[in-house]
Amino acid sequence: MSDAKRITWGKPRHPTDADREALREDLLARARAVRDDGWAGYRTEWPAGQVAVVAYVLGDTEVLAELAETESTVLSRYAADLFGFTKGRKDNEAGLVATQAWFDTVRAAL
């Protein structure tokens, strides 16, 4: 038997409704800032993933193309943020229905 230590990954994260609401509020604030001020300062200030998700919410296909992102890539990554790894993977397998529905509520609030 090996003396190697077993890797422990910790407890899987299970986002709550409060977590999703915090993501929603942050995304709305970012999208409103870009809508009001333009991309100028934010493109270099925010990580590429944040820029992509804001561009997706705003329907900015030019920015998504510049980042080599699509609706599918943005939604598939965000599913895990919204629902955790396991439920996010299941939503991916189901066609990202729950993730798309969540983004629809964000767009409606914008």
PDB file of N, CA and C in Angstrom:
ATOM      1  N   MET A   1       0.842  -1.182   0.000  1.00  0.00           N
ATOM      2  CA  MET A   1       0.000   0.000   0.000  1.00  0.00           C
ATOM      3  C   MET A   1       0.888   1.247   0.000  1.00  0.00           C
ATOM      4  N   SER A   2       0.469   2.262  -0.709  1.00  0.00           N
ATOM      5  CA  SER A   2       1.248   3.482  -0.859  1.00  0.00           C
ATOM      6  C   SER A   2       1.095   4.393   0.361  1.00  0.00           C
ATOM      7  N   ASP A   3       2.149   5.196   0.619  1.00  0.00           N
ATOM      8  CA  ASP A   3       2.103   6.172   1.701  1.00  0.00           C
ATOM      9  C   ASP A   3       1.521   7.506   1.231  1.00  0.00           C
ATOM     10  N   ALA A   4       1.112   7.592  -0.043  1.00  0.00           N
ATOM     11  CA  ALA A   4       0.577   8.844  -0.591  1.00  0.00           C
ATOM     12  C   ALA A   4      -0.707   9.218   0.137  1.00  0.00           C
ATOM     13  N   LYS A   5      -0.839  10.518   0.368  1.00  0.00           N
ATOM     14  CA  LYS A   5      -2.046  11.008   1.028  1.00  0.00           C
ATOM     15  C   LYS A   5      -3.196  11.042   0.029  1.00  0.00           C
ATOM     16  N   ARG A   6      -4.345  10.724   0.507  1.00  0.00           N
ATOM     17  CA  ARG A   6      -5.544  10.783  -0.322  1.00  0.00           C
ATOM     18  C   ARG A   6      -5.922  12.245  -0.538  1.00  0.00           C
ATOM     19  N   ILE A   7      -6.253  12.574  -1.755  1.00  0.00           N
ATOM     20  CA  ILE A   7      -6.674  13.944  -2.064  1.00  0.00           C
ATOM     21  C   ILE A   7      -8.105  14.129  -1.603  1.00  0.00           C
ATOM     22  N   THR A   8      -8.336  15.214  -0.893  1.00  0.00           N
ATOM     23  CA  THR A   8      -9.702  15.553  -0.510  1.00  0.00           C
ATOM     24  C   THR A   8     -10.061  16.866  -1.189  1.00  0.00           C
ATOM     25  N   TRP A   9     -11.152  16.872  -1.861  1.00  0.00           N
ATOM     26  CA  TRP A   9     -11.577  18.030  -2.633  1.00  0.00           C
ATOM     27  C   TRP A   9     -12.491  18.949  -1.837  1.00  0.00           C
ATOM     28  N   GLY A  10     -12.857  18.563  -0.654  1.00  0.00           N
ATOM     29  CA  GLY A  10     -13.766  19.387   0.140  1.00  0.00           C
ATOM     30  C   GLY A  10     -15.206  19.103  -0.246  1.00  0.00           C
ATOM     31  N   LYS A  11     -16.093  19.789   0.420  1.00  0.00           N
ATOM     32  CA  LYS A  11     -17.514  19.594   0.145  1.00  0.00           C
ATOM     33  C   LYS A  11     -17.887  20.288  -1.156  1.00  0.00           C
ATOM     34  N   PRO A  12     -18.710  19.629  -1.965  1.00  0.00           N
ATOM     35  CA  PRO A  12     -19.167  20.300  -3.176  1.00  0.00           C
ATOM     36  C   PRO A  12     -20.029  21.510  -2.826  1.00  0.00           C
ATOM     37  N   ARG A  13     -19.907  22.526  -3.626  1.00  0.00           N
ATOM     38  CA  ARG A  13     -20.655  23.755  -3.390  1.00  0.00           C
ATOM     39  C   ARG A  13     -22.064  23.611  -3.959  1.00  0.00           C
ATOM     40  N   HIS A  14     -23.049  23.970  -3.160  1.00  0.00           N
ATOM     41  CA  HIS A  14     -24.440  23.942  -3.574  1.00  0.00           C
ATOM     42  C   HIS A  14     -24.999  25.354  -3.423  1.00  0.00           C
ATOM     43  N   PRO A  15     -24.955  26.150  -4.493  1.00  0.00           N
ATOM     44  CA  PRO A  15     -25.441  27.528  -4.387  1.00  0.00           C
ATOM     45  C   PRO A  15     -26.897  27.584  -3.933  1.00  0.00           C
ATOM     46  N   THR A  16     -27.182  28.571  -3.121  1.00  0.00           N
ATOM     47  CA  THR A  16     -28.534  28.767  -2.601  1.00  0.00           C
ATOM     48  C   THR A  16     -29.248  29.836  -3.420  1.00  0.00           C
ATOM     49  N   ASP A  17     -30.514  30.032  -3.125  1.00  0.00           N
ATOM     50  CA  ASP A  17     -31.258  31.120  -3.768  1.00  0.00           C
ATOM     51  C   ASP A  17     -30.594  32.461  -3.465  1.00  0.00           C
ATOM     52  N   ALA A  18     -30.081  32.616  -2.255  1.00  0.00           N
ATOM     53  CA  ALA A  18     -29.394  33.856  -1.891  1.00  0.00           C
ATOM     54  C   ALA A  18     -28.124  34.040  -2.726  1.00  0.00           C
ATOM     55  N   ASP A  19     -27.395  32.958  -2.981  1.00  0.00           N
ATOM     56  CA  ASP A  19     -26.209  33.029  -3.840  1.00  0.00           C
ATOM     57  C   ASP A  19     -26.590  33.464  -5.252  1.00  0.00           C
ATOM     58  N   ARG A  20     -27.666  32.862  -5.783  1.00  0.00           N
ATOM     59  CA  ARG A  20     -28.118  33.215  -7.133  1.00  0.00           C
ATOM     60  C   ARG A  20     -28.605  34.665  -7.185  1.00  0.00           C
ATOM     61  N   GLU A  21     -29.231  35.116  -6.138  1.00  0.00           N
ATOM     62  CA  GLU A  21     -29.685  36.515  -6.092  1.00  0.00           C
ATOM     63  C   GLU A  21     -28.484  37.463  -6.073  1.00  0.00           C
ATOM     64  N   ALA A  22     -27.454  37.103  -5.330  1.00  0.00           N
ATOM     65  CA  ALA A  22     -26.246  37.937  -5.300  1.00  0.00           C
ATOM     66  C   ALA A  22     -25.582  37.974  -6.678  1.00  0.00           C
ATOM     67  N   LEU A  23     -25.526  36.837  -7.371  1.00  0.00           N
ATOM     68  CA  LEU A  23     -24.989  36.811  -8.741  1.00  0.00           C
ATOM     69  C   LEU A  23     -25.830  37.693  -9.661  1.00  0.00           C
ATOM     70  N   ARG A  24     -27.134  37.599  -9.495  1.00  0.00           N
ATOM     71  CA  ARG A  24     -28.058  38.393 -10.317  1.00  0.00           C
ATOM     72  C   ARG A  24     -27.836  39.885 -10.110  1.00  0.00           C
ATOM     73  N   GLU A  25     -27.749  40.303  -8.860  1.00  0.00           N
ATOM     74  CA  GLU A  25     -27.567  41.726  -8.555  1.00  0.00           C
ATOM     75  C   GLU A  25     -26.227  42.237  -9.072  1.00  0.00           C
ATOM     76  N   ASP A  26     -25.182  41.430  -8.931  1.00  0.00           N
ATOM     77  CA  ASP A  26     -23.874  41.825  -9.438  1.00  0.00           C
ATOM     78  C   ASP A  26     -23.900  41.948 -10.963  1.00  0.00           C
ATOM     79  N   LEU A  27     -24.506  40.981 -11.613  1.00  0.00           N
ATOM     80  CA  LEU A  27     -24.590  41.003 -13.071  1.00  0.00           C
ATOM     81  C   LEU A  27     -25.425  42.179 -13.559  1.00  0.00           C
ATOM     82  N   LEU A  28     -26.525  42.462 -12.889  1.00  0.00           N
ATOM     83  CA  LEU A  28     -27.345  43.622 -13.260  1.00  0.00           C
ATOM     84  C   LEU A  28     -26.564  44.925 -13.105  1.00  0.00           C
ATOM     85  N   ALA A  29     -25.824  45.053 -12.017  1.00  0.00           N
ATOM     86  CA  ALA A  29     -25.040  46.272 -11.794  1.00  0.00           C
ATOM     87  C   ALA A  29     -23.987  46.440 -12.886  1.00  0.00           C
ATOM     88  N   ARG A  30     -23.323  45.361 -13.250  1.00  0.00           N
ATOM     89  CA  ARG A  30     -22.309  45.431 -14.301  1.00  0.00           C
ATOM     90  C   ARG A  30     -22.934  45.760 -15.653  1.00  0.00           C
ATOM     91  N   ALA A  31     -24.035  45.106 -15.963  1.00  0.00           N
ATOM     92  CA  ALA A  31     -24.696  45.348 -17.251  1.00  0.00           C
ATOM     93  C   ALA A  31     -25.210  46.789 -17.342  1.00  0.00           C
ATOM     94  N   ARG A  32     -25.758  47.289 -16.249  1.00  0.00           N
ATOM     95  CA  ARG A  32     -26.232  48.685 -16.253  1.00  0.00           C
ATOM     96  C   ARG A  32     -25.072  49.659 -16.416  1.00  0.00           C
ATOM     97  N   ALA A  33     -23.947  49.358 -15.776  1.00  0.00           N
ATOM     98  CA  ALA A  33     -22.780  50.230 -15.887  1.00  0.00           C
ATOM     99  C   ALA A  33     -22.290  50.293 -17.333  1.00  0.00           C
ATOM    100  N   VAL A  34     -22.225  49.154 -18.001  1.00  0.00           N
ATOM    101  CA  VAL A  34     -21.786  49.135 -19.400  1.00  0.00           C
ATOM    102  C   VAL A  34     -22.813  49.815 -20.288  1.00  0.00           C
ATOM    103  N   ARG A  35     -24.072  49.553 -20.025  1.00  0.00           N
ATOM    104  CA  ARG A  35     -25.131  50.190 -20.826  1.00  0.00           C
ATOM    105  C   ARG A  35     -25.065  51.710 -20.693  1.00  0.00           C
ATOM    106  N   ASP A  36     -24.783  52.199 -19.494  1.00  0.00           N
ATOM    107  CA  ASP A  36     -24.748  53.645 -19.253  1.00  0.00           C
ATOM    108  C   ASP A  36     -23.436  54.303 -19.684  1.00  0.00           C
ATOM    109  N   ASP A  37     -22.309  53.614 -19.465  1.00  0.00           N
ATOM    110  CA  ASP A  37     -20.993  54.216 -19.670  1.00  0.00           C
ATOM    111  C   ASP A  37     -20.216  53.662 -20.856  1.00  0.00           C
ATOM    112  N   GLY A  38     -20.667  52.555 -21.434  1.00  0.00           N
ATOM    113  CA  GLY A  38     -19.906  51.899 -22.487  1.00  0.00           C
ATOM    114  C   GLY A  38     -18.862  50.963 -21.896  1.00  0.00           C
ATOM    115  N   TRP A  39     -18.165  50.255 -22.762  1.00  0.00           N
ATOM    116  CA  TRP A  39     -17.214  49.236 -22.340  1.00  0.00           C
ATOM    117  C   TRP A  39     -15.856  49.780 -21.925  1.00  0.00           C
ATOM    118  N   ALA A  40     -15.517  50.992 -22.318  1.00  0.00           N
ATOM    119  CA  ALA A  40     -14.153  51.524 -22.231  1.00  0.00           C
ATOM    120  C   ALA A  40     -13.370  51.088 -20.991  1.00  0.00           C
ATOM    121  N   GLY A  41     -13.794  51.428 -19.835  1.00  0.00           N
ATOM    122  CA  GLY A  41     -13.020  51.101 -18.630  1.00  0.00           C
ATOM    123  C   GLY A  41     -13.174  49.675 -18.166  1.00  0.00           C
ATOM    124  N   TYR A  42     -14.289  49.047 -18.490  1.00  0.00           N
ATOM    125  CA  TYR A  42     -14.600  47.739 -17.928  1.00  0.00           C
ATOM    126  C   TYR A  42     -13.901  46.585 -18.631  1.00  0.00           C
ATOM    127  N   ARG A  43     -13.631  46.720 -19.913  1.00  0.00           N
ATOM    128  CA  ARG A  43     -13.004  45.624 -20.674  1.00  0.00           C
ATOM    129  C   ARG A  43     -11.656  45.229 -20.090  1.00  0.00           C
ATOM    130  N   THR A  44     -10.908  46.183 -19.604  1.00  0.00           N
ATOM    131  CA  THR A  44      -9.597  45.870 -19.035  1.00  0.00           C
ATOM    132  C   THR A  44      -9.653  45.652 -17.527  1.00  0.00           C
ATOM    133  N   GLU A  45     -10.692  46.145 -16.895  1.00  0.00           N
ATOM    134  CA  GLU A  45     -10.823  46.047 -15.440  1.00  0.00           C
ATOM    135  C   GLU A  45     -11.369  44.685 -15.005  1.00  0.00           C
ATOM    136  N   TRP A  46     -12.294  44.132 -15.768  1.00  0.00           N
ATOM    137  CA  TRP A  46     -12.949  42.873 -15.408  1.00  0.00           C
ATOM    138  C   TRP A  46     -12.268  41.692 -16.080  1.00  0.00           C
ATOM    139  N   PRO A  47     -12.310  40.534 -15.429  1.00  0.00           N
ATOM    140  CA  PRO A  47     -11.801  39.324 -16.085  1.00  0.00           C
ATOM    141  C   PRO A  47     -12.626  39.011 -17.344  1.00  0.00           C
ATOM    142  N   ALA A  48     -12.026  38.311 -18.274  1.00  0.00           N
ATOM    143  CA  ALA A  48     -12.687  37.996 -19.545  1.00  0.00           C
ATOM    144  C   ALA A  48     -14.023  37.282 -19.347  1.00  0.00           C
ATOM    145  N   GLY A  49     -14.106  36.410 -18.362  1.00  0.00           N
ATOM    146  CA  GLY A  49     -15.360  35.699 -18.109  1.00  0.00           C
ATOM    147  C   GLY A  49     -16.485  36.641 -17.714  1.00  0.00           C
ATOM    148  N   GLN A  50     -16.175  37.653 -16.901  1.00  0.00           N
ATOM    149  CA  GLN A  50     -17.186  38.641 -16.518  1.00  0.00           C
ATOM    150  C   GLN A  50     -17.598  39.489 -17.716  1.00  0.00           C
ATOM    151  N   VAL A  51     -16.632  39.862 -18.530  1.00  0.00           N
ATOM    152  CA  VAL A  51     -16.946  40.634 -19.737  1.00  0.00           C
ATOM    153  C   VAL A  51     -17.869  39.818 -20.629  1.00  0.00           C
ATOM    154  N   ALA A  52     -17.574  38.539 -20.791  1.00  0.00           N
ATOM    155  CA  ALA A  52     -18.384  37.683 -21.659  1.00  0.00           C
ATOM    156  C   ALA A  52     -19.816  37.557 -21.154  1.00  0.00           C
ATOM    157  N   VAL A  53     -19.991  37.371 -19.867  1.00  0.00           N
ATOM    158  CA  VAL A  53     -21.348  37.185 -19.355  1.00  0.00           C
ATOM    159  C   VAL A  53     -22.141  38.492 -19.438  1.00  0.00           C
ATOM    160  N   VAL A  54     -21.504  39.621 -19.212  1.00  0.00           N
ATOM    161  CA  VAL A  54     -22.187  40.911 -19.352  1.00  0.00           C
ATOM    162  C   VAL A  54     -22.536  41.146 -20.819  1.00  0.00           C
ATOM    163  N   ALA A  55     -21.607  40.828 -21.712  1.00  0.00           N
ATOM    164  CA  ALA A  55     -21.881  40.969 -23.150  1.00  0.00           C
ATOM    165  C   ALA A  55     -23.050  40.088 -23.553  1.00  0.00           C
ATOM    166  N   TYR A  56     -23.109  38.890 -22.997  1.00  0.00           N
ATOM    167  CA  TYR A  56     -24.232  37.993 -23.298  1.00  0.00           C
ATOM    168  C   TYR A  56     -25.558  38.603 -22.845  1.00  0.00           C
ATOM    169  N   VAL A  57     -25.585  39.115 -21.628  1.00  0.00           N
ATOM    170  CA  VAL A  57     -26.817  39.729 -21.103  1.00  0.00           C
ATOM    171  C   VAL A  57     -27.244  40.910 -21.967  1.00  0.00           C
ATOM    172  N   LEU A  58     -26.272  41.694 -22.406  1.00  0.00           N
ATOM    173  CA  LEU A  58     -26.562  42.877 -23.218  1.00  0.00           C
ATOM    174  C   LEU A  58     -26.783  42.550 -24.693  1.00  0.00           C
ATOM    175  N   GLY A  59     -26.565  41.299 -25.077  1.00  0.00           N
ATOM    176  CA  GLY A  59     -26.716  40.921 -26.475  1.00  0.00           C
ATOM    177  C   GLY A  59     -25.628  41.501 -27.365  1.00  0.00           C
ATOM    178  N   ASP A  60     -24.449  41.729 -26.796  1.00  0.00           N
ATOM    179  CA  ASP A  60     -23.341  42.327 -27.529  1.00  0.00           C
ATOM    180  C   ASP A  60     -22.536  41.228 -28.224  1.00  0.00           C
ATOM    181  N   THR A  61     -22.967  40.883 -29.421  1.00  0.00           N
ATOM    182  CA  THR A  61     -22.326  39.797 -30.157  1.00  0.00           C
ATOM    183  C   THR A  61     -20.909  40.146 -30.602  1.00  0.00           C
ATOM    184  N   GLU A  62     -20.623  41.433 -30.806  1.00  0.00           N
ATOM    185  CA  GLU A  62     -19.263  41.836 -31.195  1.00  0.00           C
ATOM    186  C   GLU A  62     -18.258  41.524 -30.097  1.00  0.00           C
ATOM    187  N   VAL A  63     -18.594  41.872 -28.870  1.00  0.00           N
ATOM    188  CA  VAL A  63     -17.685  41.598 -27.748  1.00  0.00           C
ATOM    189  C   VAL A  63     -17.549  40.085 -27.555  1.00  0.00           C
ATOM    190  N   LEU A  64     -18.647  39.360 -27.655  1.00  0.00           N
ATOM    191  CA  LEU A  64     -18.560  37.902 -27.528  1.00  0.00           C
ATOM    192  C   LEU A  64     -17.638  37.322 -28.595  1.00  0.00           C
ATOM    193  N   ALA A  65     -17.751  37.792 -29.821  1.00  0.00           N
ATOM    194  CA  ALA A  65     -16.897  37.300 -30.908  1.00  0.00           C
ATOM    195  C   ALA A  65     -15.430  37.632 -30.648  1.00  0.00           C
ATOM    196  N   GLU A  66     -15.165  38.846 -30.165  1.00  0.00           N
ATOM    197  CA  GLU A  66     -13.783  39.233 -29.849  1.00  0.00           C
ATOM    198  C   GLU A  66     -13.172  38.322 -28.787  1.00  0.00           C
ATOM    199  N   LEU A  67     -14.008  37.843 -27.877  1.00  0.00           N
ATOM    200  CA  LEU A  67     -13.546  36.962 -26.803  1.00  0.00           C
ATOM    201  C   LEU A  67     -13.598  35.484 -27.205  1.00  0.00           C
ATOM    202  N   ALA A  68     -14.018  35.216 -28.436  1.00  0.00           N
ATOM    203  CA  ALA A  68     -14.203  33.842 -28.922  1.00  0.00           C
ATOM    204  C   ALA A  68     -15.192  33.080 -28.035  1.00  0.00           C
ATOM    205  N   GLU A  69     -16.260  33.773 -27.656  1.00  0.00           N
ATOM    206  CA  GLU A  69     -17.308  33.191 -26.823  1.00  0.00           C
ATOM    207  C   GLU A  69     -18.601  33.109 -27.622  1.00  0.00           C
ATOM    208  N   THR A  70     -19.457  32.202 -27.208  1.00  0.00           N
ATOM    209  CA  THR A  70     -20.789  32.059 -27.791  1.00  0.00           C
ATOM    210  C   THR A  70     -21.798  31.964 -26.655  1.00  0.00           C
ATOM    211  N   GLU A  71     -23.067  32.008 -26.996  1.00  0.00           N
ATOM    212  CA  GLU A  71     -24.105  31.812 -25.990  1.00  0.00           C
ATOM    213  C   GLU A  71     -23.868  30.498 -25.251  1.00  0.00           C
ATOM    214  N   SER A  72     -23.550  29.467 -25.980  1.00  0.00           N
ATOM    215  CA  SER A  72     -23.351  28.145 -25.397  1.00  0.00           C
ATOM    216  C   SER A  72     -22.189  28.107 -24.410  1.00  0.00           C
ATOM    217  N   THR A  73     -21.075  28.729 -24.747  1.00  0.00           N
ATOM    218  CA  THR A  73     -19.927  28.685 -23.832  1.00  0.00           C
ATOM    219  C   THR A  73     -20.202  29.476 -22.565  1.00  0.00           C
ATOM    220  N   VAL A  74     -20.855  30.616 -22.709  1.00  0.00           N
ATOM    221  CA  VAL A  74     -21.183  31.429 -21.533  1.00  0.00           C
ATOM    222  C   VAL A  74     -22.154  30.673 -20.629  1.00  0.00           C
ATOM    223  N   LEU A  75     -23.226  30.144 -21.209  1.00  0.00           N
ATOM    224  CA  LEU A  75     -24.234  29.452 -20.405  1.00  0.00           C
ATOM    225  C   LEU A  75     -23.681  28.190 -19.759  1.00  0.00           C
ATOM    226  N   SER A  76     -22.878  27.438 -20.488  1.00  0.00           N
ATOM    227  CA  SER A  76     -22.374  26.185 -19.916  1.00  0.00           C
ATOM    228  C   SER A  76     -21.465  26.442 -18.719  1.00  0.00           C
ATOM    229  N   ARG A  77     -20.667  27.493 -18.764  1.00  0.00           N
ATOM    230  CA  ARG A  77     -19.819  27.818 -17.607  1.00  0.00           C
ATOM    231  C   ARG A  77     -20.652  28.373 -16.454  1.00  0.00           C
ATOM    232  N   TYR A  78     -21.622  29.204 -16.763  1.00  0.00           N
ATOM    233  CA  TYR A  78     -22.396  29.848 -15.707  1.00  0.00           C
ATOM    234  C   TYR A  78     -23.339  28.871 -14.998  1.00  0.00           C
ATOM    235  N   ALA A  79     -23.700  27.778 -15.651  1.00  0.00           N
ATOM    236  CA  ALA A  79     -24.599  26.791 -15.034  1.00  0.00           C
ATOM    237  C   ALA A  79     -24.046  26.298 -13.703  1.00  0.00           C
ATOM    238  N   ALA A  80     -22.747  26.052 -13.639  1.00  0.00           N
ATOM    239  CA  ALA A  80     -22.145  25.572 -12.390  1.00  0.00           C
ATOM    240  C   ALA A  80     -22.162  26.658 -11.318  1.00  0.00           C
ATOM    241  N   ASP A  81     -21.973  27.922 -11.721  1.00  0.00           N
ATOM    242  CA  ASP A  81     -22.049  29.020 -10.747  1.00  0.00           C
ATOM    243  C   ASP A  81     -23.450  29.119 -10.152  1.00  0.00           C
ATOM    244  N   LEU A  82     -24.438  28.870 -10.976  1.00  0.00           N
ATOM    245  CA  LEU A  82     -25.824  28.993 -10.524  1.00  0.00           C
ATOM    246  C   LEU A  82     -26.307  27.805  -9.706  1.00  0.00           C
ATOM    247  N   PHE A  83     -25.901  26.605 -10.118  1.00  0.00           N
ATOM    248  CA  PHE A  83     -26.510  25.410  -9.545  1.00  0.00           C
ATOM    249  C   PHE A  83     -25.538  24.426  -8.916  1.00  0.00           C
ATOM    250  N   GLY A  84     -24.253  24.727  -8.953  1.00  0.00           N
ATOM    251  CA  GLY A  84     -23.259  23.784  -8.454  1.00  0.00           C
ATOM    252  C   GLY A  84     -22.841  22.837  -9.568  1.00  0.00           C
ATOM    253  N   PHE A  85     -21.787  22.071  -9.313  1.00  0.00           N
ATOM    254  CA  PHE A  85     -21.212  21.232 -10.355  1.00  0.00           C
ATOM    255  C   PHE A  85     -22.198  20.188 -10.870  1.00  0.00           C
ATOM    256  N   THR A  86     -22.789  19.419  -9.974  1.00  0.00           N
ATOM    257  CA  THR A  86     -23.644  18.309 -10.396  1.00  0.00           C
ATOM    258  C   THR A  86     -24.904  18.801 -11.084  1.00  0.00           C
ATOM    259  N   LYS A  87     -25.614  19.726 -10.463  1.00  0.00           N
ATOM    260  CA  LYS A  87     -26.845  20.230 -11.080  1.00  0.00           C
ATOM    261  C   LYS A  87     -26.538  21.051 -12.325  1.00  0.00           C
ATOM    262  N   GLY A  88     -25.407  21.753 -12.331  1.00  0.00           N
ATOM    263  CA  GLY A  88     -24.999  22.488 -13.521  1.00  0.00           C
ATOM    264  C   GLY A  88     -24.724  21.552 -14.680  1.00  0.00           C
ATOM    265  N   ARG A  89     -24.069  20.432 -14.398  1.00  0.00           N
ATOM    266  CA  ARG A  89     -23.797  19.428 -15.445  1.00  0.00           C
ATOM    267  C   ARG A  89     -25.104  18.840 -15.970  1.00  0.00           C
ATOM    268  N   LYS A  90     -26.042  18.582 -15.062  1.00  0.00           N
ATOM    269  CA  LYS A  90     -27.340  18.048 -15.494  1.00  0.00           C
ATOM    270  C   LYS A  90     -28.087  19.056 -16.350  1.00  0.00           C
ATOM    271  N   ASP A  91     -27.986  20.354 -16.000  1.00  0.00           N
ATOM    272  CA  ASP A  91     -28.629  21.381 -16.814  1.00  0.00           C
ATOM    273  C   ASP A  91     -27.970  21.458 -18.193  1.00  0.00           C
ATOM    274  N   ASN A  92     -26.653  21.304 -18.251  1.00  0.00           N
ATOM    275  CA  ASN A  92     -25.946  21.247 -19.534  1.00  0.00           C
ATOM    276  C   ASN A  92     -26.483  20.102 -20.386  1.00  0.00           C
ATOM    277  N   GLU A  93     -26.624  18.942 -19.775  1.00  0.00           N
ATOM    278  CA  GLU A  93     -27.114  17.766 -20.493  1.00  0.00           C
ATOM    279  C   GLU A  93     -28.555  17.953 -20.963  1.00  0.00           C
ATOM    280  N   ALA A  94     -29.325  18.766 -20.239  1.00  0.00           N
ATOM    281  CA  ALA A  94     -30.731  19.007 -20.596  1.00  0.00           C
ATOM    282  C   ALA A  94     -30.899  20.182 -21.557  1.00  0.00           C
ATOM    283  N   GLY A  95     -29.793  20.759 -22.012  1.00  0.00           N
ATOM    284  CA  GLY A  95     -29.872  21.868 -22.956  1.00  0.00           C
ATOM    285  C   GLY A  95     -29.845  23.237 -22.307  1.00  0.00           C
ATOM    286  N   LEU A  96     -29.411  23.309 -21.057  1.00  0.00           N
ATOM    287  CA  LEU A  96     -29.245  24.578 -20.319  1.00  0.00           C
ATOM    288  C   LEU A  96     -30.555  25.339 -20.131  1.00  0.00           C
ATOM    289  N   VAL A  97     -31.632  24.611 -19.998  1.00  0.00           N
ATOM    290  CA  VAL A  97     -32.964  25.218 -19.867  1.00  0.00           C
ATOM    291  C   VAL A  97     -33.058  26.090 -18.612  1.00  0.00           C
ATOM    292  N   ALA A  98     -32.620  25.573 -17.474  1.00  0.00           N
ATOM    293  CA  ALA A  98     -32.714  26.339 -16.222  1.00  0.00           C
ATOM    294  C   ALA A  98     -31.793  27.551 -16.254  1.00  0.00           C
ATOM    295  N   THR A  99     -30.616  27.401 -16.834  1.00  0.00           N
ATOM    296  CA  THR A  99     -29.675  28.516 -16.921  1.00  0.00           C
ATOM    297  C   THR A  99     -30.224  29.600 -17.841  1.00  0.00           C
ATOM    298  N   GLN A 100     -30.774  29.214 -18.976  1.00  0.00           N
ATOM    299  CA  GLN A 100     -31.373  30.190 -19.889  1.00  0.00           C
ATOM    300  C   GLN A 100     -32.540  30.907 -19.220  1.00  0.00           C
ATOM    301  N   ALA A 101     -33.348  30.173 -18.471  1.00  0.00           N
ATOM    302  CA  ALA A 101     -34.488  30.786 -17.779  1.00  0.00           C
ATOM    303  C   ALA A 101     -33.999  31.808 -16.753  1.00  0.00           C
ATOM    304  N   TRP A 102     -32.913  31.488 -16.048  1.00  0.00           N
ATOM    305  CA  TRP A 102     -32.363  32.433 -15.076  1.00  0.00           C
ATOM    306  C   TRP A 102     -31.901  33.701 -15.784  1.00  0.00           C
ATOM    307  N   PHE A 103     -31.197  33.559 -16.892  1.00  0.00           N
ATOM    308  CA  PHE A 103     -30.745  34.724 -17.646  1.00  0.00           C
ATOM    309  C   PHE A 103     -31.919  35.523 -18.200  1.00  0.00           C
ATOM    310  N   ASP A 104     -33.009  34.873 -18.537  1.00  0.00           N
ATOM    311  CA  ASP A 104     -34.202  35.599 -18.992  1.00  0.00           C
ATOM    312  C   ASP A 104     -34.717  36.527 -17.899  1.00  0.00           C
ATOM    313  N   THR A 105     -34.651  36.080 -16.639  1.00  0.00           N
ATOM    314  CA  THR A 105     -35.111  36.946 -15.542  1.00  0.00           C
ATOM    315  C   THR A 105     -34.162  38.121 -15.352  1.00  0.00           C
ATOM    316  N   VAL A 106     -32.875  37.908 -15.598  1.00  0.00           N
ATOM    317  CA  VAL A 106     -31.907  38.989 -15.482  1.00  0.00           C
ATOM    318  C   VAL A 106     -32.179  40.037 -16.565  1.00  0.00           C
ATOM    319  N   ARG A 107     -32.361  39.562 -17.779  1.00  0.00           N
ATOM    320  CA  ARG A 107     -32.645  40.484 -18.893  1.00  0.00           C
ATOM    321  C   ARG A 107     -33.941  41.253 -18.654  1.00  0.00           C
ATOM    322  N   ALA A 108     -34.947  40.585 -18.130  1.00  0.00           N
ATOM    323  CA  ALA A 108     -36.228  41.249 -17.854  1.00  0.00           C
ATOM    324  C   ALA A 108     -36.066  42.354 -16.817  1.00  0.00           C
ATOM    325  N   ALA A 109     -35.179  42.131 -15.846  1.00  0.00           N
ATOM    326  CA  ALA A 109     -34.952  43.134 -14.802  1.00  0.00           C
ATOM    327  C   ALA A 109     -34.100  44.292 -15.303  1.00  0.00           C
ATOM    328  N   LEU A 110     -33.361  44.071 -16.376  1.00  0.00           N
ATOM    329  CA  LEU A 110     -32.472  45.106 -16.909  1.00  0.00           C
ATOM    330  C   LEU A 110     -33.291  46.170 -17.610  1.00  0.00           C
TER     331      LEU A 110
END
